[in-house]
Protein backbone atom coordinates (compact mmCIF):
# COMPACT_ATOMS: atom_id res chain seq x y z
CA MET A 1 2.02 -1.42 0.39
CA PRO A 2 5.40 -3.44 0.08
CA ALA A 3 6.82 -5.76 2.39
CA GLU A 4 9.44 -3.39 3.88
CA TYR A 5 8.97 -5.10 7.36
CA LEU A 6 10.84 -8.02 5.89
CA HIS A 7 14.04 -6.00 6.27
CA ARG A 8 13.19 -5.31 9.86
CA ARG A 9 12.43 -9.06 10.44
CA ARG A 10 15.79 -10.10 8.80
CA SER A 11 17.68 -7.64 11.08
CA SER A 12 15.91 -8.83 14.32
CA SER A 13 16.25 -12.12 16.16
CA LEU A 14 12.75 -13.53 15.29
CA ALA A 15 14.05 -17.02 15.27
CA VAL A 16 11.20 -19.86 15.52
CA ALA A 17 11.72 -22.00 12.32
CA ARG A 18 8.33 -23.13 11.97
CA GLY A 19 6.96 -19.41 12.19
CA SER A 20 9.65 -18.33 9.69
CA LEU A 21 8.54 -20.95 7.27
CA ILE A 22 4.95 -19.69 7.46
CA PHE A 23 6.11 -16.13 7.00
CA TYR A 24 7.93 -16.83 3.82
CA LEU A 25 5.21 -18.85 2.47
CA VAL A 26 2.70 -15.96 2.95
CA LEU A 27 5.44 -13.59 1.67
CA TYR A 28 5.84 -15.40 -1.66
CA ILE A 29 2.01 -15.65 -1.87
CA TYR A 30 1.81 -11.91 -1.39
CA PHE A 31 4.41 -11.29 -4.22
CA SER A 32 2.44 -13.54 -6.53
CA ILE A 33 -0.95 -11.59 -5.79
CA LEU A 34 0.79 -8.36 -5.99
CA PHE A 35 2.14 -9.10 -9.58
CA ILE A 36 -1.24 -10.56 -10.58
CA SER A 37 -3.06 -7.38 -9.48
CA PHE A 38 -0.68 -5.21 -11.59
CA LEU A 39 -1.21 -7.47 -14.57
CA CYS A 40 -5.05 -7.24 -14.16
CA SER A 41 -4.78 -3.54 -13.79
CA LEU A 42 -3.37 -3.25 -17.21
CA ILE A 43 -6.66 -3.84 -18.74
CA SER A 44 -7.58 -0.37 -17.72
CA PHE A 45 -5.62 0.80 -20.65
CA ARG A 46 -6.89 -1.62 -23.08
CA LEU A 47 -10.47 -1.21 -22.32
CA HIS A 48 -10.20 2.59 -21.78
CA TYR A 49 -11.13 2.81 -18.11
CA PRO A 50 -11.44 6.20 -16.34
CA ARG A 51 -8.13 7.83 -15.86
CA HIS A 52 -8.06 7.46 -12.09
CA LEU A 53 -7.87 3.65 -12.54
CA LYS A 54 -5.05 3.96 -14.98
CA ILE A 55 -3.17 6.16 -12.44
CA PHE A 56 -3.76 3.45 -9.79
CA SER A 57 -2.56 0.85 -12.08
CA VAL A 58 0.77 2.87 -12.51
CA LEU A 59 0.92 3.06 -8.66
CA LEU A 60 0.73 -0.83 -8.61
CA GLY A 61 3.53 -1.02 -11.17
CA ILE A 62 5.79 1.08 -8.97
CA THR A 63 5.01 -1.23 -6.10
CA VAL A 64 6.11 -4.36 -8.21
CA VAL A 65 9.34 -2.67 -9.26
CA THR A 66 9.92 -1.63 -5.68
CA GLU A 67 9.52 -5.09 -4.47
CA PHE A 68 11.71 -6.37 -7.33
CA PHE A 69 14.56 -4.15 -6.42
CA ALA A 70 14.26 -4.43 -2.69
CA ASN A 71 13.96 -8.15 -2.47
CA PHE A 72 15.94 -9.24 -5.37
CA ALA A 73 17.93 -7.02 -7.62
CA LEU A 74 19.84 -4.98 -4.97
CA LYS A 75 21.13 -8.19 -3.41
CA GLU A 76 21.77 -10.16 -6.63
CA PHE A 77 23.13 -7.62 -8.85
CA TRP A 78 24.83 -5.02 -6.49
CA HIS A 79 25.26 -7.09 -3.35
CA ILE A 80 23.52 -4.44 -1.30
CA LYS A 81 21.70 -5.90 1.78
CA ASN A 82 20.21 -2.66 3.03
CA ASN A 83 16.89 -2.18 1.20
CA MET A 84 15.46 0.65 3.17
CA PRO A 85 16.47 3.39 0.74
CA VAL A 86 14.34 1.77 -1.86
CA TYR A 87 11.18 1.40 0.55
CA ASN A 88 11.74 4.97 1.90
CA ILE A 89 11.64 6.39 -1.58
CA TYR A 90 8.53 4.24 -2.37
CA ARG A 91 6.73 5.67 0.67
CA LEU A 92 6.71 9.12 -1.22
CA PHE A 93 5.05 7.64 -4.19
CA GLU A 94 2.72 5.43 -2.18
CA PHE A 95 0.84 8.06 -0.26
CA MET A 96 1.17 10.75 -2.84
CA GLY A 97 -0.32 8.37 -5.41
CA TYR A 98 -3.21 7.51 -3.23
CA ALA A 99 -3.97 11.11 -2.59
CA PHE A 100 -3.97 11.94 -6.31
CA TYR A 101 -6.20 8.99 -7.04
CA PHE A 102 -8.81 10.06 -4.54
CA LYS A 103 -8.51 13.68 -5.65
CA ARG A 104 -10.06 12.73 -8.93
CA ILE A 105 -13.05 10.76 -7.61
CA ILE A 106 -13.96 12.56 -4.30
CA GLN A 107 -16.59 15.27 -4.42
CA SER A 108 -16.48 17.05 -1.13
CA SER A 109 -14.73 20.46 -1.54
CA ILE A 110 -13.43 20.39 2.04
CA VAL A 111 -11.70 16.99 1.51
CA GLN A 112 -10.45 18.14 -1.89
CA ARG A 113 -8.80 21.00 -0.03
CA ILE A 114 -7.34 18.46 2.56
CA ILE A 115 -5.81 16.45 -0.34
CA THR A 116 -4.26 19.42 -2.00
CA TRP A 117 -2.63 20.61 1.24
CA PHE A 118 -1.55 16.93 1.91
CA LEU A 119 -0.06 16.84 -1.70
CA VAL A 120 2.09 20.02 -0.83
CA PHE A 121 3.07 19.21 2.70
CA TYR A 122 3.91 15.44 2.74
CA PRO A 123 6.75 15.72 0.34
CA LEU A 124 8.23 18.19 2.76
CA TYR A 125 7.51 16.14 5.74
CA TRP A 126 8.99 13.04 3.76
CA PHE A 127 12.13 15.07 2.93
CA ILE A 128 12.77 16.27 6.43
CA THR A 129 12.08 12.78 8.04
CA VAL A 130 14.12 10.94 5.52
CA PHE A 131 17.20 13.21 5.21
CA PHE A 132 17.42 15.11 8.36
CA ILE A 133 15.85 12.90 11.14
CA PHE A 134 16.50 9.32 10.38
CA GLY A 135 18.40 8.98 7.15
CA ILE A 136 17.38 7.44 3.98
CA LYS A 137 19.18 4.07 5.14
CA SER A 138 17.11 3.74 8.19
CA TRP A 139 13.55 2.44 8.87
CA THR A 140 11.12 4.97 10.57
CA SER A 141 7.59 4.62 11.53
CA TYR A 142 6.97 8.40 10.89
CA LEU A 143 6.38 7.92 7.14
CA PRO A 144 3.42 5.59 7.35
CA VAL A 145 2.19 7.31 10.54
CA GLY A 146 2.12 10.59 8.42
CA GLY A 147 0.60 9.03 5.45
CA SER A 148 -1.79 6.16 6.56
CA PRO A 149 -4.30 8.24 8.39
CA PHE A 150 -4.93 10.28 5.38
CA THR A 151 -5.33 7.33 3.14
CA ILE A 152 -7.91 5.96 5.48
CA LEU A 153 -9.63 9.28 5.58
CA PHE A 154 -9.81 9.72 1.87
CA ALA A 155 -10.99 6.11 1.22
CA SER A 156 -13.64 6.37 4.00
CA VAL A 157 -14.91 9.75 2.50
CA TYR A 158 -15.25 8.20 -0.93
CA CYS A 159 -17.18 5.13 0.55
CA TYR A 160 -19.54 7.46 2.38
CA GLU A 161 -20.23 9.64 -0.78
CA LEU A 162 -20.90 6.41 -2.65
CA PHE A 163 -23.27 5.05 -0.20
CA VAL A 164 -25.21 8.20 0.12
CA SER A 165 -25.07 9.09 -3.59
CA PRO A 166 -28.63 9.71 -5.14
CA GLN A 167 -27.36 7.66 -8.27
CA LEU A 168 -27.99 3.93 -8.27
CA VAL A 169 -24.65 2.10 -7.91
CA ASP A 170 -23.85 -1.68 -8.33
CA PHE A 171 -21.59 -2.15 -5.52
CA ARG A 172 -20.53 -5.50 -6.99
CA ARG A 173 -19.17 -3.62 -10.23
CA SER A 174 -17.81 -0.53 -8.57
CA ALA A 175 -14.02 -0.83 -9.00
CA GLU A 176 -13.41 2.28 -6.93
CA LEU A 177 -15.35 0.83 -4.08
CA TRP A 178 -13.25 -2.40 -3.92
CA ILE A 179 -10.14 -0.18 -4.01
CA ALA A 180 -11.12 1.93 -1.30
CA LEU A 181 -12.46 -0.97 0.92
CA GLY A 182 -9.06 -2.77 0.36
CA LEU A 183 -6.99 0.33 1.52
CA ILE A 184 -9.33 0.89 4.49
CA ILE A 185 -9.01 -2.70 5.73
CA TYR A 186 -5.21 -2.83 5.26
CA TYR A 187 -4.14 0.52 6.54
CA THR A 188 -6.42 0.48 9.57
CA CYS A 189 -4.36 -2.49 10.72
CA ASP A 190 -1.05 -1.44 9.40
CA LEU A 191 -1.12 1.96 11.20
CA PRO A 192 -1.04 0.70 14.83
CA TYR A 193 1.38 -2.12 13.88
CA GLU A 194 3.91 0.14 12.10
CA GLY A 195 3.50 2.73 14.95
CA MET A 196 4.71 0.33 17.54
CA LEU A 197 6.91 -1.96 15.42
CA ASN A 198 10.20 -1.08 17.15
CA PHE A 199 8.74 -1.74 20.59
CA LEU A 200 7.33 -5.09 19.53
CA ILE A 201 10.63 -6.25 18.21
CA THR A 202 12.52 -4.95 21.15
CA ASN A 203 10.20 -6.27 23.93
CA PHE A 204 7.71 -9.01 22.14
CA ASN A 205 9.55 -10.85 19.49
CA SER A 206 7.02 -13.50 19.06
CA LEU A 207 4.15 -11.28 18.99
CA GLY A 208 5.85 -9.08 16.39
CA GLU A 209 6.35 -12.28 14.21
CA LYS A 210 2.74 -13.34 14.34
CA LEU A 211 1.53 -9.80 13.68
CA SER A 212 3.93 -9.46 10.67
CA THR A 213 2.52 -12.65 9.15
CA LEU A 214 -1.03 -11.38 9.76
CA LEU A 215 -0.23 -8.13 8.12
CA LEU A 216 1.10 -9.87 5.05
CA THR A 217 -2.22 -11.82 4.98
CA LEU A 218 -4.01 -8.47 4.96
CA ASN A 219 -1.82 -7.34 2.18
CA ILE A 220 -2.80 -10.42 0.09
CA LEU A 221 -6.69 -9.48 0.80
CA MET A 222 -5.95 -5.87 -0.23
CA TYR A 223 -4.35 -6.79 -3.46
CA SER A 224 -6.94 -9.45 -4.22
CA ALA A 225 -9.72 -6.63 -3.74
CA PHE A 226 -7.68 -4.73 -6.29
CA ILE A 227 -7.72 -7.79 -8.72
CA TYR A 228 -11.49 -8.05 -8.51
CA ALA A 229 -11.73 -4.24 -8.77
CA TYR A 230 -10.24 -4.22 -12.17
CA LEU A 231 -12.05 -7.51 -13.42
CA CYS A 232 -15.50 -6.60 -12.16
CA ARG A 233 -16.02 -3.99 -14.76
CA ILE A 234 -15.35 -6.16 -17.76
CA ASN A 235 -18.75 -7.61 -17.94
CA ILE A 236 -20.48 -4.04 -18.25
CA LYS A 237 -17.86 -2.58 -20.51
CA LYS A 238 -19.56 -1.26 -23.59
CA TYR A 239 -17.78 -1.60 -27.02
């Protein structure tokens, strides 16, 4: 998930200098880890990993491009300060990408049907929310609130299926497990934060500042898990 709350922070009065320095330090570490995770994921094409890991690599690439445009290109090349249109468009790719990824690896027929319905209705939900309720230039918690619970559900179901599988699985070398765990840890914390972000900025600025730094730290942990997910398969790859 990209650092879209950076725009919210810049447009608010979160003004403790020391806290800001820590936030931006963590932010740049996040950008670095995100880019490294994408580079590591590219080995899925060279080493002929399963197709779903290649799909996830493409999603990481889209995230990198999103961050580049939202935090650098718009301002430097086109002098556009509002990056929310970029992030709002990304939200569609984000949750649709996760759903499509898990559709390829989850076995449960019930959850497969839920994913299919999600792939059908989330774009409609996104379109109505972005163009008819808030506008593409405005931040809204509706998009993550509508997508994060399903991401958590799909990742949790996959972990459960993996744990109860009759087949012997080396969890240390299961790329899919580490991706799922990273998503669960991050989005479980991100969901309540984004749901109450407007309230925090309005009423508890200092708390919102601390939580935004914590959330970036969780972002770093999630993408670190993705790095491990793609590298942990190398030693067992057969040539």
